[in-house]
Amino acid sequence: MRVELISKVAATYKTDKVTAKRNVYSTAVSDRDQLSISQTGYDYQIAKQAVAEASDIREDKVSQLKEQIASNKYSVDAGDFASKLLEQYNALNK
């Protein structure tokens, strides 16, 4: 699972104010615990589940690249490769 996706989903639903919904029950009406989930919490739960179920591998891209490699049509531009390599190196050293 890709952790950075969960943090992006969590950041989407982050709010400045925390609101609590309190239900007042009389002791004669209810002797059991109850749970109430806000709409934001429910949306977050659905988004988190969708991210967890999503594949980390994009099969369509992988199969396309496999075909190109098998037919010797896959080529990498050295300049593009070097720039991506430097970009990743610089990101790690920040």
C-alpha atoms as a PDB file:
ATOM      1  CA  MET A   1       0.000   0.000   0.000  1.00  0.00           C
ATOM      2  CA  ARG A   2       1.274   3.464  -0.814  1.00  0.00           C
ATOM      3  CA  VAL A   3       1.436   5.477   2.383  1.00  0.00           C
ATOM      4  CA  GLU A   4       1.628   8.864   0.710  1.00  0.00           C
ATOM      5  CA  LEU A   5      -1.859   8.404  -0.734  1.00  0.00           C
ATOM      6  CA  ILE A   6      -3.415   7.883   2.688  1.00  0.00           C
ATOM      7  CA  SER A   7      -1.825  11.064   3.982  1.00  0.00           C
ATOM      8  CA  LYS A   8      -3.218  12.996   0.998  1.00  0.00           C
ATOM      9  CA  VAL A   9      -6.693  11.617   1.648  1.00  0.00           C
ATOM     10  CA  ALA A  10      -6.386  12.475   5.345  1.00  0.00           C
ATOM     11  CA  ALA A  11      -5.256  16.018   4.479  1.00  0.00           C
ATOM     12  CA  THR A  12      -8.330  16.451   2.281  1.00  0.00           C
ATOM     13  CA  TYR A  13     -10.676  15.882   5.201  1.00  0.00           C
ATOM     14  CA  LYS A  14      -8.682  17.800   7.812  1.00  0.00           C
ATOM     15  CA  THR A  15     -10.649  20.614   9.427  1.00  0.00           C
ATOM     16  CA  ASP A  16      -9.662  23.410  11.792  1.00  0.00           C
ATOM     17  CA  LYS A  17     -12.541  22.863  14.161  1.00  0.00           C
ATOM     18  CA  VAL A  18     -13.455  19.625  15.801  1.00  0.00           C
ATOM     19  CA  THR A  19     -17.158  19.282  16.309  1.00  0.00           C
ATOM     20  CA  ALA A  20     -18.707  16.697  18.531  1.00  0.00           C
ATOM     21  CA  LYS A  21     -22.250  15.513  18.337  1.00  0.00           C
ATOM     22  CA  ARG A  22     -23.620  14.721  21.733  1.00  0.00           C
ATOM     23  CA  ASN A  23     -26.765  12.768  22.243  1.00  0.00           C
ATOM     24  CA  VAL A  24     -28.552  13.092  25.562  1.00  0.00           C
ATOM     25  CA  TYR A  25     -30.290   9.943  26.650  1.00  0.00           C
ATOM     26  CA  SER A  26     -32.256   9.369  29.780  1.00  0.00           C
ATOM     27  CA  THR A  27     -31.195   6.351  31.768  1.00  0.00           C
ATOM     28  CA  ALA A  28     -34.638   4.822  31.411  1.00  0.00           C
ATOM     29  CA  VAL A  29     -34.494   4.881  27.586  1.00  0.00           C
ATOM     30  CA  SER A  30     -31.107   3.325  26.901  1.00  0.00           C
ATOM     31  CA  ASP A  31     -28.741   1.143  28.917  1.00  0.00           C
ATOM     32  CA  ARG A  32     -26.353   0.431  26.034  1.00  0.00           C
ATOM     33  CA  ASP A  33     -23.542   2.283  24.311  1.00  0.00           C
ATOM     34  CA  GLN A  34     -24.127   3.963  20.978  1.00  0.00           C
ATOM     35  CA  LEU A  35     -21.797   5.160  18.270  1.00  0.00           C
ATOM     36  CA  SER A  36     -22.439   8.002  15.867  1.00  0.00           C
ATOM     37  CA  ILE A  37     -20.084   8.621  12.927  1.00  0.00           C
ATOM     38  CA  SER A  38     -20.084  11.994  11.177  1.00  0.00           C
ATOM     39  CA  GLN A  39     -20.410  12.273   7.411  1.00  0.00           C
ATOM     40  CA  THR A  40     -16.769  13.399   7.201  1.00  0.00           C
ATOM     41  CA  GLY A  41     -15.671  10.346   9.158  1.00  0.00           C
ATOM     42  CA  TYR A  42     -17.730   8.094   6.921  1.00  0.00           C
ATOM     43  CA  ASP A  43     -16.274   9.700   3.768  1.00  0.00           C
ATOM     44  CA  TYR A  44     -12.767   9.281   5.172  1.00  0.00           C
ATOM     45  CA  GLN A  45     -13.455   5.618   5.906  1.00  0.00           C
ATOM     46  CA  ILE A  46     -14.702   5.009   2.346  1.00  0.00           C
ATOM     47  CA  ALA A  47     -11.706   6.826   0.820  1.00  0.00           C
ATOM     48  CA  LYS A  48      -9.265   4.909   3.008  1.00  0.00           C
ATOM     49  CA  GLN A  49     -10.882   1.618   2.002  1.00  0.00           C
ATOM     50  CA  ALA A  50     -10.687   2.558  -1.697  1.00  0.00           C
ATOM     51  CA  VAL A  51      -6.976   3.356  -1.389  1.00  0.00           C
ATOM     52  CA  ALA A  52      -6.341   0.094   0.454  1.00  0.00           C
ATOM     53  CA  GLU A  53      -8.114  -1.906  -2.258  1.00  0.00           C
ATOM     54  CA  ALA A  54      -6.365  -0.140  -5.133  1.00  0.00           C
ATOM     55  CA  SER A  55      -3.472  -1.932  -6.728  1.00  0.00           C
ATOM     56  CA  ASP A  56      -0.019  -0.402  -6.450  1.00  0.00           C
ATOM     57  CA  ILE A  57       0.769  -1.723  -9.933  1.00  0.00           C
ATOM     58  CA  ARG A  58      -0.870  -0.280 -13.036  1.00  0.00           C
ATOM     59  CA  GLU A  59      -1.289  -3.464 -15.055  1.00  0.00           C
ATOM     60  CA  ASP A  60      -2.134  -1.609 -18.287  1.00  0.00           C
ATOM     61  CA  LYS A  61       1.164   0.309 -18.198  1.00  0.00           C
ATOM     62  CA  VAL A  62       3.159  -2.788 -17.230  1.00  0.00           C
ATOM     63  CA  SER A  63       1.741  -4.884 -20.068  1.00  0.00           C
ATOM     64  CA  GLN A  64       2.395  -2.081 -22.567  1.00  0.00           C
ATOM     65  CA  LEU A  65       6.024  -1.793 -21.443  1.00  0.00           C
ATOM     66  CA  LYS A  66       6.481  -5.579 -21.511  1.00  0.00           C
ATOM     67  CA  GLU A  67       5.297  -5.653 -25.116  1.00  0.00           C
ATOM     68  CA  GLN A  68       7.692  -2.847 -26.084  1.00  0.00           C
ATOM     69  CA  ILE A  69      10.628  -4.585 -24.376  1.00  0.00           C
ATOM     70  CA  ALA A  70       9.792  -7.939 -25.995  1.00  0.00           C
ATOM     71  CA  SER A  71       9.669  -6.364 -29.463  1.00  0.00           C
ATOM     72  CA  ASN A  72      12.857  -4.289 -28.881  1.00  0.00           C
ATOM     73  CA  LYS A  73      10.908  -1.044 -29.371  1.00  0.00           C
ATOM     74  CA  TYR A  74      11.464   0.286 -25.839  1.00  0.00           C
ATOM     75  CA  SER A  75      14.056   3.024 -25.590  1.00  0.00           C
ATOM     76  CA  VAL A  76      14.990   5.423 -22.817  1.00  0.00           C
ATOM     77  CA  ASP A  77      16.263   8.922 -23.477  1.00  0.00           C
ATOM     78  CA  ALA A  78      19.474   9.335 -21.460  1.00  0.00           C
ATOM     79  CA  GLY A  79      18.700  12.998 -20.714  1.00  0.00           C
ATOM     80  CA  ASP A  80      15.250  12.176 -19.334  1.00  0.00           C
ATOM     81  CA  PHE A  81      16.668   9.361 -17.249  1.00  0.00           C
ATOM     82  CA  ALA A  82      19.428  11.582 -15.825  1.00  0.00           C
ATOM     83  CA  SER A  83      17.028  14.400 -14.973  1.00  0.00           C
ATOM     84  CA  LYS A  84      14.641  12.019 -13.168  1.00  0.00           C
ATOM     85  CA  LEU A  85      17.556  10.451 -11.325  1.00  0.00           C
ATOM     86  CA  LEU A  86      18.785  13.866 -10.151  1.00  0.00           C
ATOM     87  CA  GLU A  87      15.248  14.880  -9.189  1.00  0.00           C
ATOM     88  CA  GLN A  88      14.898  11.810  -6.971  1.00  0.00           C
ATOM     89  CA  TYR A  89      18.359  12.342  -5.483  1.00  0.00           C
ATOM     90  CA  ASN A  90      17.588  15.965  -4.642  1.00  0.00           C
ATOM     91  CA  ALA A  91      14.253  15.000  -3.092  1.00  0.00           C
ATOM     92  CA  LEU A  92      15.999  12.526  -0.791  1.00  0.00           C
ATOM     93  CA  ASN A  93      18.574  15.081   0.351  1.00  0.00           C
ATOM     94  CA  LYS A  94      16.107  17.770   1.409  1.00  0.00           C
END
